[in-house]
């Protein structure tokens, strides 16, 4: 993970604010790809904005998906990214967190996974959540960790010093990938993201 990050992170910090696309494809990808991808298990990180809800035009910025019979299916991770230029927009940031919750719930219901990882990126701060279906109709979203991404090679020391915060993610993630037989019994229809926007 550290080696992949070092190869992708710029030598020096940019003098301007990093926008969503640059943040996603350079900084976030360097961290998240090494946590999510497992080619041996056909698990890949895709930046293709796959739809989670068929009746909703909204799509997550990040989708971790499993390759099943040569097709990408079974979303096991969703995420939203806001660049440094949107860091003070609390409304947009909170809407992204709600999106992660809604997308996670829908993915659990659709694919019967034990849980879904949610990745919330605001500027260089990454917070990782897990959403599980605890009992009938009760979906719980819990924070696993929050870590600051390095803005350049010079920030790698503090990133590496806090890297142990990321260790639980692999364990949680492997458990989330498993199917949970109780999902069919416990899942409940809830408000879609577009319905929640009305409030």
N, C-alpha and C. Protein backbone atom coordinates (compact mmCIF):
# COMPACT_ATOMS: atom_id res chain seq x y z
N UNK A 1 0.82 -1.19 0.00
CA UNK A 1 0.00 0.00 0.00
C UNK A 1 0.87 1.25 0.00
N UNK A 2 1.89 1.28 0.86
CA UNK A 2 2.74 2.46 0.96
C UNK A 2 3.50 2.68 -0.33
N UNK A 3 4.03 1.60 -0.91
CA UNK A 3 4.78 1.71 -2.15
C UNK A 3 3.92 2.27 -3.28
N UNK A 4 2.68 1.76 -3.39
CA UNK A 4 1.76 2.25 -4.43
C UNK A 4 1.45 3.73 -4.21
N UNK A 5 1.28 4.14 -2.95
CA UNK A 5 1.00 5.54 -2.63
C UNK A 5 2.18 6.43 -3.00
N UNK A 6 3.39 5.98 -2.68
CA UNK A 6 4.59 6.77 -2.98
C UNK A 6 4.73 6.97 -4.48
N UNK A 7 4.41 5.95 -5.26
CA UNK A 7 4.52 6.06 -6.71
C UNK A 7 3.51 7.04 -7.30
N UNK A 8 2.37 7.23 -6.65
CA UNK A 8 1.29 8.05 -7.20
C UNK A 8 1.25 9.48 -6.67
N UNK A 9 1.73 9.71 -5.45
CA UNK A 9 1.63 11.02 -4.81
C UNK A 9 2.70 11.96 -5.38
N UNK A 10 2.34 13.22 -5.65
CA UNK A 10 3.32 14.17 -6.19
C UNK A 10 4.48 14.43 -5.21
N UNK A 11 5.62 14.81 -5.76
CA UNK A 11 6.79 15.12 -4.93
C UNK A 11 6.52 16.33 -4.03
N UNK A 12 5.88 17.36 -4.60
CA UNK A 12 5.60 18.59 -3.85
C UNK A 12 4.11 18.87 -3.86
N UNK A 13 3.64 19.54 -2.82
CA UNK A 13 2.22 19.90 -2.73
C UNK A 13 1.89 20.97 -3.76
N UNK A 14 0.73 20.82 -4.39
CA UNK A 14 0.27 21.83 -5.35
C UNK A 14 -0.01 23.14 -4.63
N UNK A 15 0.17 24.24 -5.35
CA UNK A 15 -0.10 25.56 -4.77
C UNK A 15 -1.56 25.97 -4.90
N UNK A 16 -2.35 25.18 -5.56
CA UNK A 16 -3.77 25.50 -5.75
C UNK A 16 -4.63 24.43 -5.10
N UNK A 17 -5.92 24.74 -4.96
CA UNK A 17 -6.84 23.77 -4.37
C UNK A 17 -7.04 22.60 -5.33
N UNK A 18 -7.07 21.41 -4.76
CA UNK A 18 -7.26 20.20 -5.56
C UNK A 18 -8.75 19.94 -5.71
N UNK A 19 -9.20 19.83 -6.95
CA UNK A 19 -10.61 19.60 -7.21
C UNK A 19 -10.92 18.10 -7.19
N UNK A 20 -12.21 17.78 -7.23
CA UNK A 20 -12.69 16.41 -7.05
C UNK A 20 -12.01 15.39 -7.96
N UNK A 21 -11.92 15.67 -9.25
CA UNK A 21 -11.37 14.67 -10.17
C UNK A 21 -9.89 14.41 -9.89
N UNK A 22 -9.10 15.46 -9.66
CA UNK A 22 -7.68 15.27 -9.34
C UNK A 22 -7.51 14.54 -8.02
N UNK A 23 -8.32 14.90 -7.05
CA UNK A 23 -8.26 14.26 -5.74
C UNK A 23 -8.59 12.77 -5.87
N UNK A 24 -9.64 12.47 -6.64
CA UNK A 24 -10.08 11.08 -6.80
C UNK A 24 -9.03 10.22 -7.48
N UNK A 25 -8.56 10.66 -8.62
CA UNK A 25 -7.72 9.81 -9.45
C UNK A 25 -6.25 9.79 -9.03
N UNK A 26 -5.80 10.75 -8.27
CA UNK A 26 -4.40 10.77 -7.85
C UNK A 26 -4.26 10.33 -6.41
N UNK A 27 -4.89 11.05 -5.49
CA UNK A 27 -4.66 10.82 -4.07
C UNK A 27 -5.52 9.69 -3.49
N UNK A 28 -6.83 9.76 -3.70
CA UNK A 28 -7.74 8.77 -3.12
C UNK A 28 -7.46 7.40 -3.73
N UNK A 29 -7.28 7.35 -5.03
CA UNK A 29 -7.01 6.09 -5.71
C UNK A 29 -5.77 5.41 -5.14
N UNK A 30 -4.74 6.18 -4.83
CA UNK A 30 -3.50 5.61 -4.30
C UNK A 30 -3.73 4.88 -2.98
N UNK A 31 -4.64 5.38 -2.17
CA UNK A 31 -4.91 4.74 -0.88
C UNK A 31 -5.96 3.63 -1.01
N UNK A 32 -7.09 3.97 -1.59
CA UNK A 32 -8.24 3.08 -1.60
C UNK A 32 -8.01 1.83 -2.46
N UNK A 33 -7.38 1.99 -3.61
CA UNK A 33 -7.18 0.86 -4.51
C UNK A 33 -6.43 -0.28 -3.79
N UNK A 34 -5.40 0.07 -3.04
CA UNK A 34 -4.62 -0.96 -2.36
C UNK A 34 -5.41 -1.62 -1.22
N UNK A 35 -6.40 -0.93 -0.68
CA UNK A 35 -7.23 -1.51 0.37
C UNK A 35 -8.33 -2.40 -0.19
N UNK A 36 -8.89 -2.03 -1.32
CA UNK A 36 -10.08 -2.67 -1.87
C UNK A 36 -9.74 -3.82 -2.81
N UNK A 37 -8.83 -3.58 -3.73
CA UNK A 37 -8.59 -4.56 -4.78
C UNK A 37 -7.96 -5.85 -4.27
N UNK A 38 -8.46 -6.93 -4.81
CA UNK A 38 -7.91 -8.27 -4.54
C UNK A 38 -8.15 -9.10 -5.81
N UNK A 39 -7.26 -8.96 -6.80
CA UNK A 39 -7.48 -9.65 -8.08
C UNK A 39 -7.67 -11.16 -7.94
N UNK A 40 -7.05 -11.78 -6.94
CA UNK A 40 -7.22 -13.22 -6.74
C UNK A 40 -8.67 -13.59 -6.44
N UNK A 41 -9.40 -12.66 -5.79
CA UNK A 41 -10.82 -12.88 -5.48
C UNK A 41 -11.75 -12.16 -6.45
N UNK A 42 -11.18 -11.62 -7.57
CA UNK A 42 -11.95 -10.88 -8.57
C UNK A 42 -12.62 -9.63 -8.00
N UNK A 43 -11.94 -8.94 -7.09
CA UNK A 43 -12.45 -7.70 -6.50
C UNK A 43 -11.64 -6.54 -7.05
N UNK A 44 -12.32 -5.56 -7.64
CA UNK A 44 -11.64 -4.44 -8.28
C UNK A 44 -12.29 -3.12 -7.88
N UNK A 45 -11.50 -2.07 -7.84
CA UNK A 45 -12.02 -0.73 -7.60
C UNK A 45 -12.30 -0.09 -8.95
N UNK A 46 -13.51 0.39 -9.13
CA UNK A 46 -13.93 0.96 -10.40
C UNK A 46 -14.35 2.41 -10.18
N UNK A 47 -13.89 3.29 -11.03
CA UNK A 47 -14.29 4.70 -10.95
C UNK A 47 -15.33 5.00 -12.04
N UNK A 48 -16.26 4.09 -12.22
CA UNK A 48 -17.19 4.22 -13.34
C UNK A 48 -18.56 4.73 -12.93
N UNK A 49 -18.75 5.07 -11.67
CA UNK A 49 -20.04 5.57 -11.20
C UNK A 49 -21.17 4.60 -11.52
N UNK A 50 -21.02 3.36 -11.12
CA UNK A 50 -22.07 2.36 -11.34
C UNK A 50 -23.32 2.72 -10.56
N UNK A 51 -24.48 2.48 -11.16
CA UNK A 51 -25.75 2.73 -10.49
C UNK A 51 -25.99 1.71 -9.39
N UNK A 52 -26.46 2.17 -8.24
CA UNK A 52 -26.83 1.27 -7.16
C UNK A 52 -28.34 1.11 -7.13
N UNK A 53 -29.06 2.22 -7.32
CA UNK A 53 -30.52 2.20 -7.33
C UNK A 53 -31.00 2.37 -8.77
N UNK A 54 -31.76 1.41 -9.26
CA UNK A 54 -32.21 1.46 -10.65
C UNK A 54 -33.10 2.67 -10.95
N UNK A 55 -33.91 3.08 -9.98
CA UNK A 55 -34.85 4.17 -10.22
C UNK A 55 -34.28 5.54 -9.86
N UNK A 56 -32.97 5.63 -9.64
CA UNK A 56 -32.35 6.88 -9.21
C UNK A 56 -31.20 7.23 -10.14
N UNK A 57 -31.14 8.48 -10.55
CA UNK A 57 -30.08 8.93 -11.45
C UNK A 57 -28.75 9.11 -10.72
N UNK A 58 -28.79 9.24 -9.40
CA UNK A 58 -27.57 9.43 -8.61
C UNK A 58 -26.71 8.17 -8.61
N UNK A 59 -25.41 8.38 -8.66
CA UNK A 59 -24.46 7.27 -8.64
C UNK A 59 -23.32 7.64 -7.70
N UNK A 60 -22.72 6.63 -7.04
CA UNK A 60 -21.58 6.95 -6.18
C UNK A 60 -20.35 7.30 -7.01
N UNK A 61 -19.46 8.14 -6.45
CA UNK A 61 -18.21 8.48 -7.14
C UNK A 61 -17.28 7.28 -7.18
N UNK A 62 -17.32 6.45 -6.14
CA UNK A 62 -16.46 5.28 -6.03
C UNK A 62 -17.34 4.04 -5.93
N UNK A 63 -16.97 3.00 -6.66
CA UNK A 63 -17.65 1.71 -6.53
C UNK A 63 -16.60 0.61 -6.47
N UNK A 64 -16.65 -0.17 -5.41
CA UNK A 64 -15.82 -1.37 -5.34
C UNK A 64 -16.71 -2.52 -5.77
N UNK A 65 -16.33 -3.23 -6.81
CA UNK A 65 -17.20 -4.27 -7.36
C UNK A 65 -16.47 -5.59 -7.52
N UNK A 66 -17.25 -6.66 -7.55
CA UNK A 66 -16.71 -8.00 -7.79
C UNK A 66 -16.95 -8.36 -9.24
N UNK A 67 -15.97 -9.01 -9.85
CA UNK A 67 -16.08 -9.50 -11.21
C UNK A 67 -16.70 -10.90 -11.15
N UNK A 68 -17.89 -11.03 -11.72
CA UNK A 68 -18.60 -12.31 -11.68
C UNK A 68 -18.90 -12.71 -13.13
N UNK A 69 -18.34 -13.84 -13.55
CA UNK A 69 -18.55 -14.33 -14.92
C UNK A 69 -18.31 -13.26 -15.97
N UNK A 70 -17.19 -12.63 -15.93
CA UNK A 70 -16.73 -11.59 -16.87
C UNK A 70 -17.56 -10.30 -16.85
N UNK A 71 -18.41 -10.12 -15.86
CA UNK A 71 -19.17 -8.88 -15.73
C UNK A 71 -18.97 -8.32 -14.33
N UNK A 72 -18.89 -6.98 -14.24
CA UNK A 72 -18.79 -6.36 -12.94
C UNK A 72 -20.17 -6.32 -12.30
N UNK A 73 -20.30 -6.99 -11.15
CA UNK A 73 -21.55 -7.05 -10.42
C UNK A 73 -21.24 -6.93 -8.95
N UNK A 74 -22.21 -7.05 -8.12
CA UNK A 74 -22.03 -7.15 -6.68
C UNK A 74 -21.19 -6.02 -6.09
N UNK A 75 -21.78 -4.86 -5.96
CA UNK A 75 -21.10 -3.71 -5.36
C UNK A 75 -20.84 -3.99 -3.89
N UNK A 76 -19.58 -3.82 -3.48
CA UNK A 76 -19.21 -4.11 -2.09
C UNK A 76 -18.61 -2.90 -1.40
N UNK A 77 -18.56 -1.77 -2.10
CA UNK A 77 -18.01 -0.56 -1.51
C UNK A 77 -18.53 0.63 -2.32
N UNK A 78 -18.96 1.68 -1.64
CA UNK A 78 -19.40 2.91 -2.32
C UNK A 78 -18.72 4.10 -1.66
N UNK A 79 -18.57 5.17 -2.42
CA UNK A 79 -17.93 6.35 -1.84
C UNK A 79 -18.27 7.62 -2.56
N UNK A 80 -18.09 8.71 -1.86
CA UNK A 80 -18.32 10.04 -2.40
C UNK A 80 -17.08 10.90 -2.11
N UNK A 81 -16.73 11.77 -3.07
CA UNK A 81 -15.53 12.60 -2.96
C UNK A 81 -15.90 14.06 -3.17
N UNK A 82 -15.37 14.92 -2.31
CA UNK A 82 -15.48 16.37 -2.48
C UNK A 82 -14.07 16.94 -2.45
N UNK A 83 -13.75 17.74 -3.46
CA UNK A 83 -12.42 18.35 -3.55
C UNK A 83 -12.23 19.46 -2.54
N UNK A 84 -11.00 19.98 -2.48
CA UNK A 84 -10.69 21.07 -1.55
C UNK A 84 -11.52 22.31 -1.83
N UNK A 85 -11.92 22.48 -3.08
CA UNK A 85 -12.72 23.65 -3.44
C UNK A 85 -14.13 23.61 -2.84
N UNK A 86 -14.58 22.44 -2.36
CA UNK A 86 -15.92 22.29 -1.77
C UNK A 86 -15.86 21.99 -0.27
N UNK A 87 -14.71 22.13 0.32
CA UNK A 87 -14.51 21.71 1.71
C UNK A 87 -15.39 22.47 2.71
N UNK A 88 -15.74 23.69 2.40
CA UNK A 88 -16.56 24.49 3.33
C UNK A 88 -18.05 24.37 3.06
N UNK A 89 -18.44 23.62 2.06
CA UNK A 89 -19.85 23.43 1.72
C UNK A 89 -20.42 22.29 2.57
N UNK A 90 -20.88 22.63 3.77
CA UNK A 90 -21.39 21.62 4.70
C UNK A 90 -22.60 20.87 4.16
N UNK A 91 -23.46 21.58 3.43
CA UNK A 91 -24.66 20.95 2.88
C UNK A 91 -24.29 19.84 1.91
N UNK A 92 -23.37 20.13 0.98
CA UNK A 92 -22.96 19.13 0.00
C UNK A 92 -22.25 17.96 0.68
N UNK A 93 -21.46 18.25 1.69
CA UNK A 93 -20.74 17.20 2.42
C UNK A 93 -21.72 16.28 3.14
N UNK A 94 -22.73 16.85 3.79
CA UNK A 94 -23.72 16.04 4.48
C UNK A 94 -24.58 15.25 3.50
N UNK A 95 -24.90 15.86 2.36
CA UNK A 95 -25.65 15.11 1.32
C UNK A 95 -24.84 13.91 0.84
N UNK A 96 -23.53 14.07 0.72
CA UNK A 96 -22.68 12.94 0.32
C UNK A 96 -22.73 11.82 1.36
N UNK A 97 -22.74 12.19 2.63
CA UNK A 97 -22.82 11.18 3.69
C UNK A 97 -24.16 10.44 3.64
N UNK A 98 -25.23 11.18 3.37
CA UNK A 98 -26.55 10.55 3.22
C UNK A 98 -26.55 9.63 2.00
N UNK A 99 -25.93 10.07 0.91
CA UNK A 99 -25.83 9.23 -0.29
C UNK A 99 -25.13 7.92 0.04
N UNK A 100 -24.03 8.00 0.78
CA UNK A 100 -23.29 6.78 1.14
C UNK A 100 -24.19 5.83 1.91
N UNK A 101 -24.95 6.37 2.86
CA UNK A 101 -25.88 5.54 3.63
C UNK A 101 -26.94 4.90 2.75
N UNK A 102 -27.54 5.69 1.86
CA UNK A 102 -28.59 5.17 0.96
C UNK A 102 -28.03 4.13 -0.01
N UNK A 103 -26.89 4.45 -0.62
CA UNK A 103 -26.27 3.50 -1.56
C UNK A 103 -25.88 2.20 -0.85
N UNK A 104 -25.37 2.32 0.37
CA UNK A 104 -24.96 1.14 1.13
C UNK A 104 -26.16 0.25 1.43
N UNK A 105 -27.26 0.86 1.87
CA UNK A 105 -28.49 0.10 2.17
C UNK A 105 -28.99 -0.62 0.93
N UNK A 106 -29.04 0.09 -0.19
CA UNK A 106 -29.52 -0.51 -1.43
C UNK A 106 -28.61 -1.65 -1.89
N UNK A 107 -27.30 -1.47 -1.74
CA UNK A 107 -26.37 -2.53 -2.15
C UNK A 107 -26.53 -3.77 -1.27
N UNK A 108 -26.73 -3.58 0.03
CA UNK A 108 -26.96 -4.72 0.93
C UNK A 108 -28.22 -5.46 0.50
N UNK A 109 -29.29 -4.72 0.24
CA UNK A 109 -30.56 -5.34 -0.16
C UNK A 109 -30.45 -6.06 -1.50
N UNK A 110 -29.73 -5.46 -2.44
CA UNK A 110 -29.64 -6.01 -3.78
C UNK A 110 -28.73 -7.24 -3.86
N UNK A 111 -27.59 -7.16 -3.18
CA UNK A 111 -26.58 -8.22 -3.33
C UNK A 111 -26.49 -9.16 -2.13
N UNK A 112 -27.30 -8.92 -1.09
CA UNK A 112 -27.33 -9.75 0.12
C UNK A 112 -25.98 -9.87 0.81
N UNK A 113 -25.18 -8.81 0.72
CA UNK A 113 -23.89 -8.81 1.41
C UNK A 113 -24.09 -8.61 2.90
N UNK A 114 -23.13 -9.10 3.67
CA UNK A 114 -23.16 -8.90 5.11
C UNK A 114 -23.07 -7.41 5.44
N UNK A 115 -22.30 -6.68 4.66
CA UNK A 115 -22.15 -5.24 4.87
C UNK A 115 -21.55 -4.58 3.64
N UNK A 116 -21.48 -3.26 3.69
CA UNK A 116 -20.92 -2.46 2.60
C UNK A 116 -19.99 -1.42 3.22
N UNK A 117 -18.81 -1.26 2.62
CA UNK A 117 -17.91 -0.21 3.06
C UNK A 117 -18.33 1.10 2.41
N UNK A 118 -18.29 2.17 3.17
CA UNK A 118 -18.58 3.51 2.66
C UNK A 118 -17.35 4.38 2.83
N UNK A 119 -16.97 5.09 1.78
CA UNK A 119 -15.78 5.93 1.80
C UNK A 119 -16.21 7.37 1.57
N UNK A 120 -15.95 8.23 2.54
CA UNK A 120 -16.34 9.63 2.47
C UNK A 120 -15.07 10.48 2.46
N UNK A 121 -14.83 11.15 1.34
CA UNK A 121 -13.62 11.96 1.18
C UNK A 121 -14.02 13.43 1.09
N UNK A 122 -13.46 14.23 1.99
CA UNK A 122 -13.68 15.68 1.97
C UNK A 122 -12.30 16.31 2.01
N UNK A 123 -11.88 16.88 0.89
CA UNK A 123 -10.52 17.38 0.80
C UNK A 123 -9.57 16.19 0.93
N UNK A 124 -8.62 16.31 1.83
CA UNK A 124 -7.67 15.22 2.03
C UNK A 124 -8.03 14.33 3.21
N UNK A 125 -9.19 14.55 3.81
CA UNK A 125 -9.64 13.74 4.94
C UNK A 125 -10.52 12.61 4.43
N UNK A 126 -10.14 11.37 4.74
CA UNK A 126 -10.90 10.19 4.32
C UNK A 126 -11.48 9.52 5.56
N UNK A 127 -12.79 9.32 5.56
CA UNK A 127 -13.46 8.60 6.64
C UNK A 127 -14.09 7.36 6.03
N UNK A 128 -13.85 6.22 6.67
CA UNK A 128 -14.35 4.96 6.16
C UNK A 128 -15.37 4.40 7.14
N UNK A 129 -16.53 4.02 6.60
CA UNK A 129 -17.66 3.51 7.38
C UNK A 129 -17.97 2.08 6.94
N UNK A 130 -18.69 1.37 7.77
CA UNK A 130 -19.27 0.10 7.37
C UNK A 130 -20.76 0.17 7.69
N UNK A 131 -21.59 -0.28 6.76
CA UNK A 131 -23.03 -0.34 6.97
C UNK A 131 -23.43 -1.81 6.97
N UNK A 132 -24.17 -2.21 7.99
CA UNK A 132 -24.66 -3.59 8.07
C UNK A 132 -26.15 -3.58 8.39
N UNK A 133 -26.80 -4.66 8.03
CA UNK A 133 -28.21 -4.88 8.37
C UNK A 133 -28.20 -5.67 9.68
N UNK A 134 -28.43 -4.98 10.78
CA UNK A 134 -28.28 -5.57 12.11
C UNK A 134 -29.42 -6.50 12.48
N UNK A 135 -30.64 -6.04 12.25
CA UNK A 135 -31.83 -6.84 12.50
C UNK A 135 -32.92 -6.34 11.57
N UNK A 136 -34.11 -6.82 11.69
CA UNK A 136 -35.17 -6.49 10.73
C UNK A 136 -35.36 -4.99 10.57
N UNK A 137 -35.02 -4.49 9.38
CA UNK A 137 -35.22 -3.09 9.03
C UNK A 137 -34.25 -2.12 9.68
N UNK A 138 -33.25 -2.59 10.43
CA UNK A 138 -32.32 -1.70 11.12
C UNK A 138 -30.94 -1.79 10.46
N UNK A 139 -30.63 -0.76 9.67
CA UNK A 139 -29.35 -0.65 9.00
C UNK A 139 -28.48 0.29 9.84
N UNK A 140 -27.29 -0.14 10.19
CA UNK A 140 -26.40 0.66 11.04
C UNK A 140 -25.15 1.02 10.25
N UNK A 141 -24.80 2.30 10.27
CA UNK A 141 -23.59 2.78 9.61
C UNK A 141 -22.64 3.26 10.70
N UNK A 142 -21.45 2.66 10.76
CA UNK A 142 -20.51 2.96 11.83
C UNK A 142 -19.16 3.36 11.23
N UNK A 143 -18.53 4.36 11.83
CA UNK A 143 -17.22 4.79 11.38
C UNK A 143 -16.17 3.78 11.80
N UNK A 144 -15.31 3.40 10.86
CA UNK A 144 -14.20 2.49 11.16
C UNK A 144 -12.95 3.30 11.47
N UNK A 145 -12.64 4.27 10.60
CA UNK A 145 -11.46 5.11 10.83
C UNK A 145 -11.55 6.37 10.00
N UNK A 146 -10.71 7.32 10.37
CA UNK A 146 -10.60 8.56 9.63
C UNK A 146 -9.11 8.88 9.54
N UNK A 147 -8.64 9.18 8.35
CA UNK A 147 -7.21 9.41 8.15
C UNK A 147 -7.01 10.52 7.12
N UNK A 148 -5.95 11.26 7.30
CA UNK A 148 -5.63 12.33 6.36
C UNK A 148 -4.68 11.80 5.29
N UNK A 149 -5.05 12.04 4.03
CA UNK A 149 -4.20 11.61 2.92
C UNK A 149 -2.97 12.50 2.83
N UNK A 150 -1.84 11.95 2.42
CA UNK A 150 -0.66 12.79 2.21
C UNK A 150 -0.85 13.66 0.97
N UNK A 151 -0.48 14.94 1.07
CA UNK A 151 -0.60 15.85 -0.07
C UNK A 151 0.63 15.80 -0.96
N UNK A 152 1.74 15.27 -0.41
CA UNK A 152 2.98 15.12 -1.17
C UNK A 152 3.83 14.06 -0.49
N UNK A 153 4.96 13.75 -1.10
CA UNK A 153 5.88 12.77 -0.51
C UNK A 153 6.30 13.22 0.89
N UNK A 154 6.39 14.52 1.11
CA UNK A 154 6.84 15.03 2.41
C UNK A 154 5.84 14.76 3.53
N UNK A 155 4.57 14.52 3.19
CA UNK A 155 3.55 14.21 4.19
C UNK A 155 3.46 12.71 4.49
N UNK A 156 4.24 11.90 3.80
CA UNK A 156 4.15 10.46 3.96
C UNK A 156 4.51 9.99 5.38
N UNK A 157 5.41 10.73 6.07
CA UNK A 157 5.79 10.33 7.42
C UNK A 157 4.59 10.27 8.36
N UNK A 158 3.79 11.34 8.35
CA UNK A 158 2.62 11.36 9.25
C UNK A 158 1.58 10.34 8.80
N UNK A 159 1.47 10.12 7.51
CA UNK A 159 0.54 9.12 6.99
C UNK A 159 0.95 7.72 7.46
N UNK A 160 2.22 7.41 7.33
CA UNK A 160 2.72 6.10 7.73
C UNK A 160 2.61 5.92 9.24
N UNK A 161 2.81 6.99 10.00
CA UNK A 161 2.69 6.91 11.46
C UNK A 161 1.27 6.53 11.89
N UNK A 162 0.27 6.88 11.08
CA UNK A 162 -1.13 6.59 11.40
C UNK A 162 -1.70 5.43 10.59
N UNK A 163 -0.86 4.72 9.89
CA UNK A 163 -1.34 3.68 8.99
C UNK A 163 -2.02 2.52 9.73
N UNK A 164 -1.68 2.35 11.01
CA UNK A 164 -2.32 1.26 11.77
C UNK A 164 -3.82 1.49 11.94
N UNK A 165 -4.29 2.73 11.73
CA UNK A 165 -5.74 3.01 11.76
C UNK A 165 -6.46 2.28 10.62
N UNK A 166 -5.73 1.99 9.54
CA UNK A 166 -6.33 1.36 8.37
C UNK A 166 -6.38 -0.17 8.45
N UNK A 167 -5.65 -0.74 9.40
CA UNK A 167 -5.56 -2.20 9.49
C UNK A 167 -6.91 -2.90 9.67
N UNK A 168 -7.84 -2.37 10.46
CA UNK A 168 -9.13 -3.08 10.60
C UNK A 168 -9.95 -3.15 9.31
N UNK A 169 -9.64 -2.30 8.36
CA UNK A 169 -10.46 -2.23 7.14
C UNK A 169 -10.43 -3.54 6.37
N UNK A 170 -9.26 -4.14 6.21
CA UNK A 170 -9.17 -5.40 5.46
C UNK A 170 -10.03 -6.49 6.11
N UNK A 171 -9.99 -6.58 7.42
CA UNK A 171 -10.77 -7.59 8.14
C UNK A 171 -12.26 -7.35 7.95
N UNK A 172 -12.67 -6.11 8.15
CA UNK A 172 -14.09 -5.76 8.00
C UNK A 172 -14.53 -5.98 6.56
N UNK A 173 -13.69 -5.58 5.63
CA UNK A 173 -14.02 -5.68 4.22
C UNK A 173 -14.23 -7.14 3.79
N UNK A 174 -13.35 -8.03 4.25
CA UNK A 174 -13.49 -9.44 3.89
C UNK A 174 -14.79 -10.02 4.43
N UNK A 175 -15.20 -9.57 5.62
CA UNK A 175 -16.46 -10.04 6.19
C UNK A 175 -17.65 -9.48 5.39
N UNK A 176 -17.52 -8.23 4.95
CA UNK A 176 -18.61 -7.60 4.18
C UNK A 176 -18.86 -8.30 2.86
N UNK A 177 -17.82 -8.87 2.27
CA UNK A 177 -17.96 -9.51 0.96
C UNK A 177 -18.80 -10.77 1.00
N UNK A 178 -18.94 -11.36 2.17
CA UNK A 178 -19.69 -12.60 2.28
C UNK A 178 -21.19 -12.33 2.20
N UNK A 179 -21.91 -13.26 1.62
CA UNK A 179 -23.37 -13.13 1.57
C UNK A 179 -23.95 -13.47 2.93
N UNK A 180 -25.04 -12.82 3.25
CA UNK A 180 -25.68 -13.01 4.55
C UNK A 180 -27.10 -13.52 4.27
N UNK A 181 -27.36 -14.74 4.71
CA UNK A 181 -28.66 -15.37 4.39
C UNK A 181 -29.85 -14.66 5.02
N UNK A 182 -29.64 -13.87 6.06
CA UNK A 182 -30.76 -13.21 6.74
C UNK A 182 -31.22 -11.92 6.04
N UNK A 183 -30.44 -11.45 5.04
CA UNK A 183 -30.80 -10.19 4.37
C UNK A 183 -32.19 -10.27 3.76
N UNK A 184 -32.50 -11.37 3.10
CA UNK A 184 -33.82 -11.51 2.46
C UNK A 184 -34.95 -11.40 3.48
N UNK A 185 -34.71 -11.89 4.67
CA UNK A 185 -35.73 -11.85 5.72
C UNK A 185 -35.79 -10.48 6.41
N UNK A 186 -34.62 -9.86 6.60
CA UNK A 186 -34.54 -8.63 7.40
C UNK A 186 -34.71 -7.33 6.62
N UNK A 187 -34.42 -7.34 5.32
CA UNK A 187 -34.41 -6.07 4.58
C UNK A 187 -35.81 -5.45 4.53
N UNK A 188 -35.83 -4.13 4.49
CA UNK A 188 -37.08 -3.37 4.39
C UNK A 188 -36.90 -2.28 3.35
N UNK A 189 -37.96 -1.96 2.67
CA UNK A 189 -37.91 -0.87 1.70
C UNK A 189 -37.83 0.44 2.46
N UNK A 190 -36.93 1.28 2.02
CA UNK A 190 -36.76 2.58 2.66
C UNK A 190 -36.83 3.68 1.62
N UNK A 191 -36.67 4.90 2.06
CA UNK A 191 -36.70 6.04 1.15
C UNK A 191 -35.46 6.01 0.27
N UNK A 192 -35.66 6.23 -1.02
CA UNK A 192 -34.54 6.33 -1.95
C UNK A 192 -33.90 7.70 -1.76
N UNK A 193 -32.70 7.85 -2.27
CA UNK A 193 -31.97 9.12 -2.11
C UNK A 193 -32.74 10.29 -2.67
N UNK A 194 -33.37 10.11 -3.84
CA UNK A 194 -34.10 11.22 -4.45
C UNK A 194 -35.30 11.64 -3.59
N UNK A 195 -35.89 10.70 -2.85
CA UNK A 195 -36.98 11.04 -1.94
C UNK A 195 -36.46 11.80 -0.72
N UNK A 196 -35.28 11.45 -0.27
CA UNK A 196 -34.71 12.11 0.90
C UNK A 196 -34.32 13.56 0.60
N UNK A 197 -34.02 13.86 -0.66
CA UNK A 197 -33.66 15.22 -1.04
C UNK A 197 -34.81 16.20 -0.84
N UNK A 198 -36.03 15.70 -0.77
CA UNK A 198 -37.21 16.56 -0.61
C UNK A 198 -37.29 17.18 0.78
N UNK A 199 -36.59 16.60 1.76
CA UNK A 199 -36.68 17.08 3.13
C UNK A 199 -35.69 18.15 3.44
